[in-house]
């Protein structure tokens, strides 16, 4: 595994045991290169897609922003999403719309398969027993103006009930449309694509009319094969596909003028961001890690456990709280080499050689509280306190990246953390207060 965000919940529940092969330190799997399109290593994280490739591959950045929380996006990878093959996966929807291919390697050689063919059914894919997902290849046209529209049970941390991705190929006057959560796999809306290619006013510079958008929505809905589940009925999902299809196309169409004027730049403009992540050091000798400045050994019996279980059960560091063990609540949030993560989703072995910070290490040597901690107390943003360590770590991470955040940015920065006692108003106030200081 590389990120572990999908596998670790299964291991935490005892549903998938056995040894762990850690791929997170294979730098080639995190490499990104630009030629005729973009080659993304299978180990590229969603945060890299969102922040490093935001303008280079817009459809992936737009989809990545809707996925889970920053804690999860920092660890989750492209290769993991492809291997799990969740029919509702946002990133797979975007890859299908962008005409991406999967690169698979084995001792027998390398083969490339279009993403829509690689996904063979719900949680099934065309991955051989001896094959490794090494990269995703996005063609140049898949990096064009894009939009992503999604509906779920809540605004964050929700799997899609329906999602639609649209990518425009302005030069060739074509479009790619992907739909997720409405069929056994994410699918291409081919009839809708053909209709847009033929009927859209490509050379006229005009807007898309309501009748055209409604027809596109109907064709997108016609490409789906939804099943009723806890996220919606068949009728609801088809209706959502129609609405989101027209809405996403309208958004992408509005952005095409900026792209044609060079506002989105070219792939070469983002080449400086396409480098392997060097932050994970090679492991040499007895496995060790630093936690709040103190060095600890990784016990052999804990190498297959999560970092959370290592901290609490082996090392008796109880600042990160154990609640869901699925990356849903954020109460176990820690910082690993400066990037927050849910400790329950991180294989302990991946923390070897890293600097791990918990909320217990934020106070000064003289006991003075960190500004975020002090602000939470002053604003009354603490009740039972169980979720507080995670909120403190997430808020500190946000203020490091965005020193003067808006309320919307604060809510987005904290969307991976749940409080069961009350609302979030006083917590938001506390972050505002800490930012002012």
Protein backbone atom coordinates (compact mmCIF):
# COMPACT_ATOMS: atom_id res chain seq x y z
CA UNK A 1 0.00 0.00 0.00
CA UNK A 2 1.02 3.63 -0.42
CA UNK A 3 -1.51 5.90 1.31
CA UNK A 4 -3.49 3.27 3.19
CA UNK A 5 -6.65 5.34 3.57
CA UNK A 6 -8.87 2.60 2.13
CA UNK A 7 -7.01 -0.46 3.45
CA UNK A 8 -6.37 0.65 7.03
CA UNK A 9 -10.07 0.78 8.06
CA UNK A 10 -10.31 -2.87 6.96
CA UNK A 11 -7.21 -3.76 8.97
CA UNK A 12 -8.51 -1.84 11.98
CA UNK A 13 -11.67 -3.96 11.87
CA UNK A 14 -9.68 -7.15 11.51
CA UNK A 15 -10.99 -7.80 7.99
CA UNK A 16 -7.64 -7.72 6.22
CA UNK A 17 -4.64 -9.05 8.09
CA UNK A 18 -1.22 -10.22 6.96
CA UNK A 19 2.01 -8.37 6.24
CA UNK A 20 2.16 -4.86 4.80
CA UNK A 21 4.32 -3.93 1.81
CA UNK A 22 4.91 -0.18 2.13
CA UNK A 23 5.31 1.59 -1.22
CA UNK A 24 5.23 5.15 0.13
CA UNK A 25 9.02 5.55 -0.09
CA UNK A 26 9.25 4.51 -3.76
CA UNK A 27 9.94 7.98 -5.17
CA UNK A 28 9.25 6.91 -8.75
CA UNK A 29 5.61 6.31 -7.79
CA UNK A 30 5.29 9.95 -6.74
CA UNK A 31 6.95 11.36 -9.86
CA UNK A 32 5.08 13.56 -12.32
CA UNK A 33 6.27 14.34 -15.82
CA UNK A 34 4.95 16.47 -18.66
CA UNK A 35 5.24 15.62 -22.32
CA UNK A 36 2.23 15.10 -24.58
CA UNK A 37 -0.07 15.25 -21.58
CA UNK A 38 0.75 14.48 -17.95
CA UNK A 39 2.06 11.28 -16.39
CA UNK A 40 1.08 11.05 -12.72
CA UNK A 41 2.76 8.44 -10.54
CA UNK A 42 0.35 6.13 -8.75
CA UNK A 43 1.60 7.47 -5.41
CA UNK A 44 0.64 11.08 -6.14
CA UNK A 45 -1.65 12.32 -3.36
CA UNK A 46 -4.90 14.23 -3.70
CA UNK A 47 -3.30 17.23 -2.01
CA UNK A 48 -0.67 17.28 -4.77
CA UNK A 49 -3.45 17.21 -7.38
CA UNK A 50 -5.27 20.05 -5.65
CA UNK A 51 -2.36 22.35 -4.84
CA UNK A 52 0.40 21.40 -7.28
CA UNK A 53 -1.68 20.73 -10.38
CA UNK A 54 -4.67 23.00 -9.85
CA UNK A 55 -4.34 24.72 -13.22
CA UNK A 56 -2.37 22.04 -15.04
CA UNK A 57 -5.07 19.35 -14.75
CA UNK A 58 -8.18 21.26 -13.62
CA UNK A 59 -10.61 18.33 -13.61
CA UNK A 60 -8.50 16.37 -11.13
CA UNK A 61 -8.03 19.37 -8.86
CA UNK A 62 -11.75 20.13 -8.86
CA UNK A 63 -12.64 16.53 -8.02
CA UNK A 64 -9.92 16.27 -5.37
CA UNK A 65 -11.28 19.27 -3.50
CA UNK A 66 -14.57 17.45 -2.87
CA UNK A 67 -12.90 14.33 -1.45
CA UNK A 68 -12.94 13.71 2.29
CA UNK A 69 -10.76 16.08 4.39
CA UNK A 70 -7.25 17.46 4.22
CA UNK A 71 -6.14 14.76 6.66
CA UNK A 72 -7.24 12.12 4.15
CA UNK A 73 -6.18 13.99 0.99
CA UNK A 74 -2.63 14.29 2.32
CA UNK A 75 -2.35 10.47 2.30
CA UNK A 76 -4.80 9.14 -0.30
CA UNK A 77 -3.32 8.32 -3.71
CA UNK A 78 -4.41 7.87 -7.30
CA UNK A 79 -3.25 4.26 -7.37
CA UNK A 80 -5.26 3.42 -4.27
CA UNK A 81 -8.46 4.80 -5.79
CA UNK A 82 -7.94 2.77 -8.95
CA UNK A 83 -7.22 -0.45 -7.04
CA UNK A 84 -10.28 -0.07 -4.80
CA UNK A 85 -12.52 0.78 -7.81
CA UNK A 86 -15.32 2.40 -5.80
CA UNK A 87 -18.16 3.22 -8.27
CA UNK A 88 -18.73 6.53 -6.45
CA UNK A 89 -15.07 7.63 -6.39
CA UNK A 90 -14.76 11.28 -7.38
CA UNK A 91 -11.24 11.02 -8.76
CA UNK A 92 -12.19 8.07 -10.98
CA UNK A 93 -15.07 10.08 -12.41
CA UNK A 94 -12.62 12.85 -13.30
CA UNK A 95 -10.11 10.42 -14.84
CA UNK A 96 -12.83 8.87 -17.00
CA UNK A 97 -13.95 12.30 -18.23
CA UNK A 98 -10.35 13.25 -19.06
CA UNK A 99 -9.70 10.13 -21.14
CA UNK A 100 -6.96 8.91 -18.79
CA UNK A 101 -5.14 5.60 -19.02
CA UNK A 102 -3.76 3.36 -16.26
CA UNK A 103 -0.17 2.12 -16.53
CA UNK A 104 0.36 -1.39 -15.14
CA UNK A 105 3.76 -3.02 -14.67
CA UNK A 106 4.82 -6.59 -14.01
CA UNK A 107 7.78 -8.87 -14.77
CA UNK A 108 6.10 -9.54 -18.11
CA UNK A 109 6.20 -5.88 -19.13
CA UNK A 110 4.09 -2.73 -19.09
CA UNK A 111 0.57 -2.27 -20.43
CA UNK A 112 -1.79 0.69 -20.57
CA UNK A 113 -5.55 0.49 -20.26
CA UNK A 114 -8.18 3.26 -20.49
CA UNK A 115 -9.60 3.92 -17.03
CA UNK A 116 -13.16 3.13 -18.08
CA UNK A 117 -12.03 -0.32 -19.30
CA UNK A 118 -9.78 -0.92 -16.29
CA UNK A 119 -12.81 -0.59 -13.97
CA UNK A 120 -14.75 -3.82 -14.53
CA UNK A 121 -17.39 -3.65 -11.79
CA UNK A 122 -18.14 -2.43 -8.27
CA UNK A 123 -14.83 -2.72 -6.40
CA UNK A 124 -13.37 -4.80 -9.24
CA UNK A 125 -10.68 -3.89 -11.74
CA UNK A 126 -8.46 -5.40 -14.42
CA UNK A 127 -5.37 -5.72 -12.20
CA UNK A 128 -3.42 -8.96 -12.50
CA UNK A 129 -2.06 -10.78 -9.44
CA UNK A 130 1.51 -9.90 -10.40
CA UNK A 131 0.82 -6.36 -11.58
CA UNK A 132 1.41 -3.02 -9.90
CA UNK A 133 -0.38 0.23 -10.76
CA UNK A 134 2.52 2.54 -11.56
CA UNK A 135 0.99 5.63 -13.14
CA UNK A 136 -1.96 7.43 -14.67
CA UNK A 137 -1.59 9.14 -18.04
CA UNK A 138 -3.81 12.13 -18.81
CA UNK A 139 -3.79 13.23 -22.48
CA UNK A 140 -3.22 16.89 -23.32
CA UNK A 141 -6.90 17.45 -24.12
CA UNK A 142 -7.80 16.07 -20.67
CA UNK A 143 -6.10 19.11 -19.15
CA UNK A 144 -8.55 21.55 -20.69
CA UNK A 145 -11.28 23.70 -19.10
CA UNK A 146 -13.27 21.57 -16.68
CA UNK A 147 -16.00 21.45 -14.08
CA UNK A 148 -17.01 18.98 -11.39
CA UNK A 149 -20.46 18.76 -9.80
CA UNK A 150 -21.44 16.42 -7.01
CA UNK A 151 -24.34 15.79 -4.64
CA UNK A 152 -24.05 13.88 -1.37
CA UNK A 153 -25.60 13.60 2.07
CA UNK A 154 -23.58 16.55 3.40
CA UNK A 155 -21.17 19.21 2.18
CA UNK A 156 -17.98 17.36 3.18
CA UNK A 157 -16.78 13.86 4.01
CA UNK A 158 -19.57 12.31 1.94
CA UNK A 159 -19.52 9.75 -0.83
CA UNK A 160 -21.31 10.95 -3.92
CA UNK A 161 -24.92 10.03 -4.58
CA UNK A 162 -24.17 11.30 -8.08
CA UNK A 163 -21.22 13.14 -9.60
CA UNK A 164 -20.47 14.50 -13.08
CA UNK A 165 -17.12 15.64 -14.47
CA UNK A 166 -16.78 17.61 -17.72
CA UNK A 167 -13.59 18.38 -19.68
CA UNK A 168 -13.61 20.55 -22.82
CA UNK A 169 -11.21 20.05 -25.71
CA UNK A 170 -11.57 23.51 -27.22
CA UNK A 171 -9.06 22.93 -30.01
CA UNK A 172 -10.72 19.76 -31.30
CA UNK A 173 -14.24 20.96 -30.39
CA UNK A 174 -14.92 17.90 -28.28
CA UNK A 175 -15.86 17.12 -24.70
CA UNK A 176 -15.39 14.34 -22.16
CA UNK A 177 -18.18 13.66 -19.65
CA UNK A 178 -17.84 11.18 -16.78
CA UNK A 179 -20.56 10.10 -14.35
CA UNK A 180 -19.98 8.36 -11.00
CA UNK A 181 -22.21 6.62 -8.43
CA UNK A 182 -24.89 5.92 -11.03
CA UNK A 183 -23.64 2.66 -12.58
CA UNK A 184 -21.50 -0.34 -11.55
CA UNK A 185 -18.47 1.76 -12.55
CA UNK A 186 -17.89 5.43 -13.46
CA UNK A 187 -19.01 5.76 -17.09
CA UNK A 188 -18.60 8.05 -20.10
CA UNK A 189 -21.75 9.76 -21.34
CA UNK A 190 -20.88 9.14 -24.98
CA UNK A 191 -24.18 10.29 -26.53
CA UNK A 192 -24.00 13.53 -24.57
CA UNK A 193 -20.39 14.03 -25.71
CA UNK A 194 -21.37 13.58 -29.37
CA UNK A 195 -24.30 15.96 -29.02
CA UNK A 196 -22.14 18.72 -27.51
CA UNK A 197 -19.46 18.24 -30.16
CA UNK A 198 -22.02 18.70 -32.92
CA UNK A 199 -24.41 21.28 -31.47
CA UNK A 200 -22.38 23.60 -29.22
CA UNK A 201 -21.47 27.04 -30.68
CA UNK A 202 -17.72 26.36 -30.60
CA UNK A 203 -16.63 29.01 -33.05
CA UNK A 204 -19.24 31.64 -32.26
CA UNK A 205 -18.16 32.58 -28.75
CA UNK A 206 -21.75 32.31 -27.58
CA UNK A 207 -23.24 30.83 -24.44
CA UNK A 208 -25.02 27.51 -24.24
CA UNK A 209 -28.78 27.82 -24.37
CA UNK A 210 -31.15 26.35 -21.82
CA UNK A 211 -32.59 23.89 -24.35
CA UNK A 212 -29.15 22.55 -25.24
CA UNK A 213 -28.16 22.16 -21.57
CA UNK A 214 -31.42 20.38 -20.80
CA UNK A 215 -30.86 17.98 -23.69
CA UNK A 216 -27.31 17.30 -22.54
CA UNK A 217 -28.63 16.57 -19.04
CA UNK A 218 -31.14 14.09 -20.43
CA UNK A 219 -28.38 12.32 -22.39
CA UNK A 220 -26.14 12.20 -19.32
CA UNK A 221 -28.97 10.65 -17.31
CA UNK A 222 -29.50 8.16 -20.12
CA UNK A 223 -25.92 6.94 -19.76
CA UNK A 224 -26.51 5.88 -16.15
CA UNK A 225 -27.60 2.55 -14.70
CA UNK A 226 -28.31 3.48 -11.09
CA UNK A 227 -29.43 1.24 -8.26
CA UNK A 228 -31.37 2.41 -5.23
CA UNK A 229 -29.31 2.53 -2.06
CA UNK A 230 -28.94 4.58 1.11
CA UNK A 231 -27.82 7.57 -0.94
CA UNK A 232 -30.88 7.78 -3.17
CA UNK A 233 -33.51 6.10 -5.31
CA UNK A 234 -33.10 5.27 -8.99
CA UNK A 235 -35.29 8.23 -9.93
CA UNK A 236 -33.36 10.62 -7.70
CA UNK A 237 -30.00 9.58 -9.12
CA UNK A 238 -31.16 9.94 -12.73
CA UNK A 239 -32.61 13.35 -11.96
CA UNK A 240 -29.36 14.37 -10.22
CA UNK A 241 -27.32 13.19 -13.21
CA UNK A 242 -29.43 15.32 -15.55
CA UNK A 243 -29.18 18.43 -13.40
CA UNK A 244 -25.47 18.05 -12.63
CA UNK A 245 -24.65 17.22 -16.25
CA UNK A 246 -26.11 20.47 -17.56
CA UNK A 247 -24.69 22.47 -14.64
CA UNK A 248 -21.15 21.13 -15.03
CA UNK A 249 -21.12 21.70 -18.79
CA UNK A 250 -22.28 25.30 -18.31
CA UNK A 251 -19.48 25.95 -15.80
CA UNK A 252 -16.78 24.44 -18.02
CA UNK A 253 -18.11 26.37 -21.02
CA UNK A 254 -17.83 29.66 -19.14
CA UNK A 255 -14.18 28.86 -18.36
CA UNK A 256 -13.23 28.08 -21.96
CA UNK A 257 -12.68 31.75 -22.86
CA UNK A 258 -10.08 32.09 -20.11
CA UNK A 259 -8.34 28.95 -21.31
CA UNK A 260 -8.28 30.13 -24.93
CA UNK A 261 -6.74 33.42 -23.82
CA UNK A 262 -3.97 31.59 -22.00
CA UNK A 263 -5.38 32.21 -18.54
CA UNK A 264 -4.91 28.58 -17.57
CA UNK A 265 -1.42 28.47 -19.06
CA UNK A 266 0.13 25.41 -20.65
CA UNK A 267 1.30 22.12 -19.20
CA UNK A 268 4.91 23.29 -19.35
CA UNK A 269 4.07 26.17 -16.99
CA UNK A 270 3.53 23.67 -14.20
CA UNK A 271 6.55 21.46 -14.82
CA UNK A 272 8.33 22.89 -11.76
CA UNK A 273 5.63 21.37 -9.55
CA UNK A 274 6.00 17.95 -11.12
CA UNK A 275 8.74 16.46 -8.95
CA UNK A 276 8.87 13.44 -6.64
CA UNK A 277 8.10 14.09 -2.97
CA UNK A 278 11.41 13.76 -1.10
CA UNK A 279 9.89 14.09 2.37
CA UNK A 280 9.94 10.40 3.23
CA UNK A 281 13.45 9.23 4.09
CA UNK A 282 14.76 5.75 3.44
CA UNK A 283 14.64 3.45 6.46
CA UNK A 284 18.08 2.38 7.62
CA UNK A 285 18.76 0.24 10.68
CA UNK A 286 16.33 -0.24 13.57
CA UNK A 287 13.02 1.51 12.81
CA UNK A 288 12.62 4.69 14.87
CA UNK A 289 10.38 7.72 14.83
CA UNK A 290 10.20 11.00 16.72
CA UNK A 291 7.03 11.88 18.57
CA UNK A 292 6.79 15.38 20.02
CA UNK A 293 10.58 15.59 19.88
CA UNK A 294 11.28 12.30 21.68
CA UNK A 295 12.72 9.32 19.83
CA UNK A 296 10.88 6.00 19.99
CA UNK A 297 11.51 2.55 18.55
CA UNK A 298 8.83 0.86 16.49
CA UNK A 299 8.15 -2.53 18.12
CA UNK A 300 8.21 -5.37 15.60
CA UNK A 301 4.76 -6.54 16.68
CA UNK A 302 3.30 -3.09 15.85
CA UNK A 303 4.62 -2.74 12.29
CA UNK A 304 1.29 -3.82 10.79
CA UNK A 305 -0.82 -1.66 13.11
CA UNK A 306 -2.01 1.88 12.59
CA UNK A 307 -0.02 4.80 13.93
CA UNK A 308 -2.92 5.50 16.29
CA UNK A 309 -2.68 2.06 17.88
CA UNK A 310 1.08 2.39 18.12
CA UNK A 311 0.75 5.71 19.92
CA UNK A 312 -1.99 4.72 22.34
CA UNK A 313 -1.51 0.99 22.94
CA UNK A 314 2.25 0.57 22.60
CA UNK A 315 3.71 3.95 23.54
CA UNK A 316 0.88 5.12 25.84
CA UNK A 317 0.65 8.52 24.14
CA UNK A 318 -3.05 9.22 24.49
CA UNK A 319 -3.38 12.77 23.12
CA UNK A 320 -4.81 11.51 19.78
CA UNK A 321 -8.25 10.04 20.53
CA UNK A 322 -9.62 6.77 19.18
CA UNK A 323 -13.19 7.12 17.95
CA UNK A 324 -14.05 5.83 14.47
CA UNK A 325 -10.79 4.28 13.15
CA UNK A 326 -12.07 5.09 9.64
CA UNK A 327 -10.77 8.63 9.11
CA UNK A 328 -14.26 10.08 9.51
CA UNK A 329 -14.09 12.05 12.76
CA UNK A 330 -10.62 13.64 12.92
CA UNK A 331 -10.18 13.06 16.66
CA UNK A 332 -6.87 11.25 16.04
CA UNK A 333 -5.37 14.02 13.89
CA UNK A 334 -1.58 14.31 14.14
CA UNK A 335 1.08 16.03 12.06
CA UNK A 336 3.62 13.92 10.17
CA UNK A 337 6.55 15.91 8.83
CA UNK A 338 4.35 19.00 8.81
CA UNK A 339 1.29 17.48 7.13
CA UNK A 340 -1.78 16.52 9.13
CA UNK A 341 -3.21 13.02 8.89
CA UNK A 342 -5.64 10.75 10.69
CA UNK A 343 -3.38 8.50 12.73
CA UNK A 344 -5.90 5.66 12.39
CA UNK A 345 -5.33 5.61 8.61
CA UNK A 346 -1.52 5.70 8.68
CA UNK A 347 0.34 2.37 8.84
CA UNK A 348 2.78 2.70 11.74
CA UNK A 349 5.65 1.68 9.49
CA UNK A 350 5.09 4.79 7.35
CA UNK A 351 5.95 7.02 10.32
CA UNK A 352 9.43 5.52 10.66
CA UNK A 353 12.06 8.24 10.22
CA UNK A 354 9.41 10.95 10.47
CA UNK A 355 8.63 13.74 12.93
CA UNK A 356 5.21 13.09 14.45
CA UNK A 357 3.49 15.86 16.40
CA UNK A 358 0.47 15.46 18.65
CA UNK A 359 -1.49 18.12 20.50
CA UNK A 360 0.52 17.23 23.62
CA UNK A 361 3.65 18.66 22.03
CA UNK A 362 2.23 22.06 21.09
CA UNK A 363 2.55 23.77 24.46
CA UNK A 364 5.74 25.69 25.26
CA UNK A 365 8.31 24.27 27.69
CA UNK A 366 7.01 26.60 30.41
CA UNK A 367 3.48 25.29 29.95
CA UNK A 368 2.16 28.23 27.93
CA UNK A 369 -0.62 27.08 25.62
CA UNK A 370 -0.41 27.28 21.85
CA UNK A 371 -2.46 30.25 20.51
CA UNK A 372 -5.08 27.89 19.07
CA UNK A 373 -5.47 26.11 22.41
CA UNK A 374 -5.76 29.41 24.27
CA UNK A 375 -8.29 30.73 21.77
CA UNK A 376 -10.50 27.64 22.08
CA UNK A 377 -10.64 28.13 25.86
CA UNK A 378 -11.34 31.84 25.57
CA UNK A 379 -14.08 31.45 22.96
CA UNK A 380 -15.74 28.54 24.75
CA UNK A 381 -15.02 26.16 21.88
CA UNK A 382 -14.43 23.21 24.24
CA UNK A 383 -17.11 21.04 25.82
CA UNK A 384 -16.40 17.36 26.58
CA UNK A 385 -12.96 17.80 25.00
CA UNK A 386 -12.80 14.46 23.17
CA UNK A 387 -12.68 16.06 19.73
CA UNK A 388 -10.54 19.01 20.82
CA UNK A 389 -7.06 17.54 20.11
CA UNK A 390 -8.05 16.94 16.50
CA UNK A 391 -9.54 20.41 16.09
CA UNK A 392 -6.40 22.01 17.54
CA UNK A 393 -4.13 20.15 15.10
CA UNK A 394 -6.39 20.92 12.10
CA UNK A 395 -6.72 24.60 13.06
CA UNK A 396 -2.98 25.01 13.51
CA UNK A 397 -2.41 23.42 10.10
CA UNK A 398 -4.91 25.79 8.50
CA UNK A 399 -3.32 28.89 10.06
CA UNK A 400 0.11 27.79 8.91
CA UNK A 401 -1.16 27.63 5.34
CA UNK A 402 -3.67 30.50 5.47
CA UNK A 403 -2.71 33.01 8.20
CA UNK A 404 -5.84 35.15 7.73
CA UNK A 405 -8.60 32.74 6.65
CA UNK A 406 -12.17 33.61 5.78
CA UNK A 407 -15.01 31.82 7.58
CA UNK A 408 -15.46 29.62 4.51
CA UNK A 409 -11.78 28.67 4.58
CA UNK A 410 -12.00 27.93 8.31
CA UNK A 411 -14.97 25.63 7.80
CA UNK A 412 -13.25 23.89 4.91
CA UNK A 413 -10.05 23.52 6.95
CA UNK A 414 -11.99 21.88 9.78
CA UNK A 415 -14.35 19.76 7.69
CA UNK A 416 -12.55 16.54 8.63
CA UNK A 417 -13.30 17.03 12.33
CA UNK A 418 -16.60 16.22 14.03
CA UNK A 419 -17.94 17.55 17.33
CA UNK A 420 -20.82 15.55 18.83
CA UNK A 421 -21.56 18.00 21.67
CA UNK A 422 -22.80 21.06 19.84
CA UNK A 423 -22.45 23.23 16.76
CA UNK A 424 -19.25 24.66 15.37
CA UNK A 425 -19.83 28.40 15.79
CA UNK A 426 -17.58 28.84 18.84
CA UNK A 427 -14.88 26.68 17.29
CA UNK A 428 -14.89 28.88 14.19
CA UNK A 429 -14.77 31.94 16.45
CA UNK A 430 -11.74 30.47 18.23
CA UNK A 431 -9.84 29.99 14.96
CA UNK A 432 -10.71 33.55 13.99
CA UNK A 433 -9.37 34.74 17.34
CA UNK A 434 -6.15 32.72 17.00
CA UNK A 435 -5.62 34.12 13.50
CA UNK A 436 -5.92 37.68 14.80
CA UNK A 437 -3.13 36.99 17.27
